[in-house]
Amino acid sequence: MAAGGAADAQARFGHSVKGLLTEKVTSCGTDVIALTKQVLKGSRSAELLGQAARNMVMQEDAILHSEDVSCVLVWSSSISRDGRREGQEAIQKNVERSSNLQDQLSHLLK
């Protein structure tokens, strides 16, 4: 009977080892699935981060271009304003000259 009890204990021990092994394999499989999901998520995050960086570079280029255009507009506006001022001064001088010429003509015609 002792031999039967030992064989029975050995069978129970083997059964519990198989159960523990099955639990460990299941646990490792679950961990591998979780790790795979995390890697895929990280890969997607890296892709989104790269896309965001590209978009930011495009926005920066657009901002720099807008700044350049704005500087050109300010410069051309000041040149235009200076040109209008010079034109106005030239017109005023011509008006003064014409009034002087009119005075001279009227004096000659008298």
C-alpha atoms as a PDB file:
ATOM      1  CA  MET A   1       0.000   0.000   0.000  1.00  0.00           C
ATOM      2  CA  ALA A   2       2.864   2.268   0.674  1.00  0.00           C
ATOM      3  CA  ALA A   3       3.931   1.826  -2.889  1.00  0.00           C
ATOM      4  CA  GLY A   4       0.409   2.719  -4.065  1.00  0.00           C
ATOM      5  CA  GLY A   5       0.333   5.809  -1.856  1.00  0.00           C
ATOM      6  CA  ALA A   6       3.729   6.935  -3.166  1.00  0.00           C
ATOM      7  CA  ALA A   7       2.630   6.432  -6.745  1.00  0.00           C
ATOM      8  CA  ASP A   8      -0.555   8.350  -6.003  1.00  0.00           C
ATOM      9  CA  ALA A   9       1.427  11.233  -4.455  1.00  0.00           C
ATOM     10  CA  GLN A  10       3.793  11.227  -7.404  1.00  0.00           C
ATOM     11  CA  ALA A  11       0.835  11.409  -9.828  1.00  0.00           C
ATOM     12  CA  ARG A  12      -0.650  14.306  -7.880  1.00  0.00           C
ATOM     13  CA  PHE A  13       2.710  16.071  -7.874  1.00  0.00           C
ATOM     14  CA  GLY A  14       3.071  15.560 -11.632  1.00  0.00           C
ATOM     15  CA  HIS A  15      -0.468  16.822 -12.161  1.00  0.00           C
ATOM     16  CA  SER A  16       0.166  19.967 -10.072  1.00  0.00           C
ATOM     17  CA  VAL A  17       3.435  20.617 -11.939  1.00  0.00           C
ATOM     18  CA  LYS A  18       1.573  20.339 -15.237  1.00  0.00           C
ATOM     19  CA  GLY A  19      -1.049  22.751 -13.905  1.00  0.00           C
ATOM     20  CA  LEU A  20       1.595  25.237 -12.782  1.00  0.00           C
ATOM     21  CA  LEU A  21       3.356  24.919 -16.116  1.00  0.00           C
ATOM     22  CA  THR A  22       0.078  25.548 -17.960  1.00  0.00           C
ATOM     23  CA  GLU A  23      -0.547  28.638 -15.806  1.00  0.00           C
ATOM     24  CA  LYS A  24       2.966  29.944 -16.490  1.00  0.00           C
ATOM     25  CA  VAL A  25       2.620  29.374 -20.258  1.00  0.00           C
ATOM     26  CA  THR A  26      -0.757  31.171 -20.247  1.00  0.00           C
ATOM     27  CA  SER A  27       0.712  34.028 -18.195  1.00  0.00           C
ATOM     28  CA  CYS A  28       3.697  34.343 -20.571  1.00  0.00           C
ATOM     29  CA  GLY A  29       1.362  34.290 -23.576  1.00  0.00           C
ATOM     30  CA  THR A  30      -0.720  37.090 -22.038  1.00  0.00           C
ATOM     31  CA  ASP A  31       2.464  39.086 -21.346  1.00  0.00           C
ATOM     32  CA  VAL A  32       3.656  38.604 -24.941  1.00  0.00           C
ATOM     33  CA  ILE A  33       0.290  39.837 -26.252  1.00  0.00           C
ATOM     34  CA  ALA A  34       0.444  42.902 -23.957  1.00  0.00           C
ATOM     35  CA  LEU A  35       4.025  43.592 -25.039  1.00  0.00           C
ATOM     36  CA  THR A  36       3.069  43.291 -28.712  1.00  0.00           C
ATOM     37  CA  LYS A  37       0.187  45.717 -28.220  1.00  0.00           C
ATOM     38  CA  GLN A  38       2.518  48.175 -26.460  1.00  0.00           C
ATOM     39  CA  VAL A  39       5.123  47.933 -29.237  1.00  0.00           C
ATOM     40  CA  LEU A  40       2.466  48.545 -31.882  1.00  0.00           C
ATOM     41  CA  LYS A  41       1.117  51.457 -29.885  1.00  0.00           C
ATOM     42  CA  GLY A  42       4.640  52.885 -29.545  1.00  0.00           C
ATOM     43  CA  SER A  43       5.189  52.449 -33.268  1.00  0.00           C
ATOM     44  CA  ARG A  44       1.980  54.349 -34.006  1.00  0.00           C
ATOM     45  CA  SER A  45       3.011  57.048 -31.519  1.00  0.00           C
ATOM     46  CA  ALA A  46       6.351  57.449 -33.291  1.00  0.00           C
ATOM     47  CA  GLU A  47       4.555  57.717 -36.626  1.00  0.00           C
ATOM     48  CA  LEU A  48       2.188  60.384 -35.255  1.00  0.00           C
ATOM     49  CA  LEU A  49       5.100  62.237 -33.681  1.00  0.00           C
ATOM     50  CA  GLY A  50       6.963  62.246 -37.013  1.00  0.00           C
ATOM     51  CA  GLN A  51       3.881  63.524 -38.807  1.00  0.00           C
ATOM     52  CA  ALA A  52       3.449  66.273 -36.203  1.00  0.00           C
ATOM     53  CA  ALA A  53       7.098  67.287 -36.643  1.00  0.00           C
ATOM     54  CA  ARG A  54       6.665  67.477 -40.437  1.00  0.00           C
ATOM     55  CA  ASN A  55       3.536  69.597 -40.017  1.00  0.00           C
ATOM     56  CA  MET A  56       5.357  71.908 -37.622  1.00  0.00           C
ATOM     57  CA  VAL A  57       8.207  72.388 -40.113  1.00  0.00           C
ATOM     58  CA  MET A  58       5.671  73.243 -42.836  1.00  0.00           C
ATOM     59  CA  GLN A  59       3.995  75.757 -40.499  1.00  0.00           C
ATOM     60  CA  GLU A  60       7.360  77.276 -39.622  1.00  0.00           C
ATOM     61  CA  ASP A  61       8.151  77.706 -43.328  1.00  0.00           C
ATOM     62  CA  ALA A  62       4.773  79.365 -43.870  1.00  0.00           C
ATOM     63  CA  ILE A  63       5.377  81.722 -40.930  1.00  0.00           C
ATOM     64  CA  LEU A  64       8.838  82.660 -42.203  1.00  0.00           C
ATOM     65  CA  HIS A  65       7.441  83.270 -45.685  1.00  0.00           C
ATOM     66  CA  SER A  66       4.680  85.447 -44.219  1.00  0.00           C
ATOM     67  CA  GLU A  67       7.275  87.405 -42.271  1.00  0.00           C
ATOM     68  CA  ASP A  68       9.317  87.983 -45.436  1.00  0.00           C
ATOM     69  CA  VAL A  69       6.225  89.111 -47.348  1.00  0.00           C
ATOM     70  CA  SER A  70       5.252  91.419 -44.500  1.00  0.00           C
ATOM     71  CA  CYS A  71       8.717  93.019 -44.481  1.00  0.00           C
ATOM     72  CA  VAL A  72       8.528  93.557 -48.248  1.00  0.00           C
ATOM     73  CA  LEU A  73       5.072  95.121 -47.923  1.00  0.00           C
ATOM     74  CA  VAL A  74       6.237  97.498 -45.189  1.00  0.00           C
ATOM     75  CA  TRP A  75       9.295  98.422 -47.257  1.00  0.00           C
ATOM     76  CA  SER A  76       7.253  99.015 -50.423  1.00  0.00           C
ATOM     77  CA  SER A  77       4.686 100.985 -48.444  1.00  0.00           C
ATOM     78  CA  SER A  78       7.373 103.308 -47.094  1.00  0.00           C
ATOM     79  CA  ILE A  79       8.842 103.729 -50.593  1.00  0.00           C
ATOM     80  CA  SER A  80       5.377 104.434 -51.970  1.00  0.00           C
ATOM     81  CA  ARG A  81       4.721 106.947 -49.203  1.00  0.00           C
ATOM     82  CA  ASP A  82       8.081 108.621 -49.880  1.00  0.00           C
ATOM     83  CA  GLY A  83       7.293 108.656 -53.601  1.00  0.00           C
ATOM     84  CA  ARG A  84       3.901 110.252 -52.969  1.00  0.00           C
ATOM     85  CA  ARG A  85       5.535 112.863 -50.743  1.00  0.00           C
ATOM     86  CA  GLU A  86       8.133 113.638 -53.427  1.00  0.00           C
ATOM     87  CA  GLY A  87       5.391 113.788 -56.058  1.00  0.00           C
ATOM     88  CA  GLN A  88       3.371 116.170 -53.902  1.00  0.00           C
ATOM     89  CA  GLU A  89       6.425 118.378 -53.373  1.00  0.00           C
ATOM     90  CA  ALA A  90       7.098 118.392 -57.129  1.00  0.00           C
ATOM     91  CA  ILE A  91       3.480 119.394 -57.812  1.00  0.00           C
ATOM     92  CA  GLN A  92       3.712 122.192 -55.261  1.00  0.00           C
ATOM     93  CA  LYS A  93       6.917 123.479 -56.869  1.00  0.00           C
ATOM     94  CA  ASN A  94       5.277 123.357 -60.310  1.00  0.00           C
ATOM     95  CA  VAL A  95       2.259 125.261 -58.986  1.00  0.00           C
ATOM     96  CA  GLU A  96       4.575 127.908 -57.520  1.00  0.00           C
ATOM     97  CA  ARG A  97       6.473 128.127 -60.806  1.00  0.00           C
ATOM     98  CA  SER A  98       3.274 128.365 -62.804  1.00  0.00           C
ATOM     99  CA  SER A  99       1.972 131.172 -60.596  1.00  0.00           C
ATOM    100  CA  ASN A 100       5.341 132.922 -61.041  1.00  0.00           C
ATOM    101  CA  LEU A 101       5.052 132.369 -64.803  1.00  0.00           C
ATOM    102  CA  GLN A 102       1.499 133.682 -64.773  1.00  0.00           C
ATOM    103  CA  ASP A 103       2.676 136.788 -62.930  1.00  0.00           C
ATOM    104  CA  GLN A 104       5.482 137.248 -65.426  1.00  0.00           C
ATOM    105  CA  LEU A 105       3.116 136.733 -68.376  1.00  0.00           C
ATOM    106  CA  SER A 106       0.592 139.149 -67.000  1.00  0.00           C
ATOM    107  CA  HIS A 107       3.356 141.705 -66.409  1.00  0.00           C
ATOM    108  CA  LEU A 108       4.625 141.206 -69.991  1.00  0.00           C
ATOM    109  CA  LEU A 109       1.164 141.504 -71.458  1.00  0.00           C
ATOM    110  CA  LYS A 110       0.492 144.827 -69.722  1.00  0.00           C
END
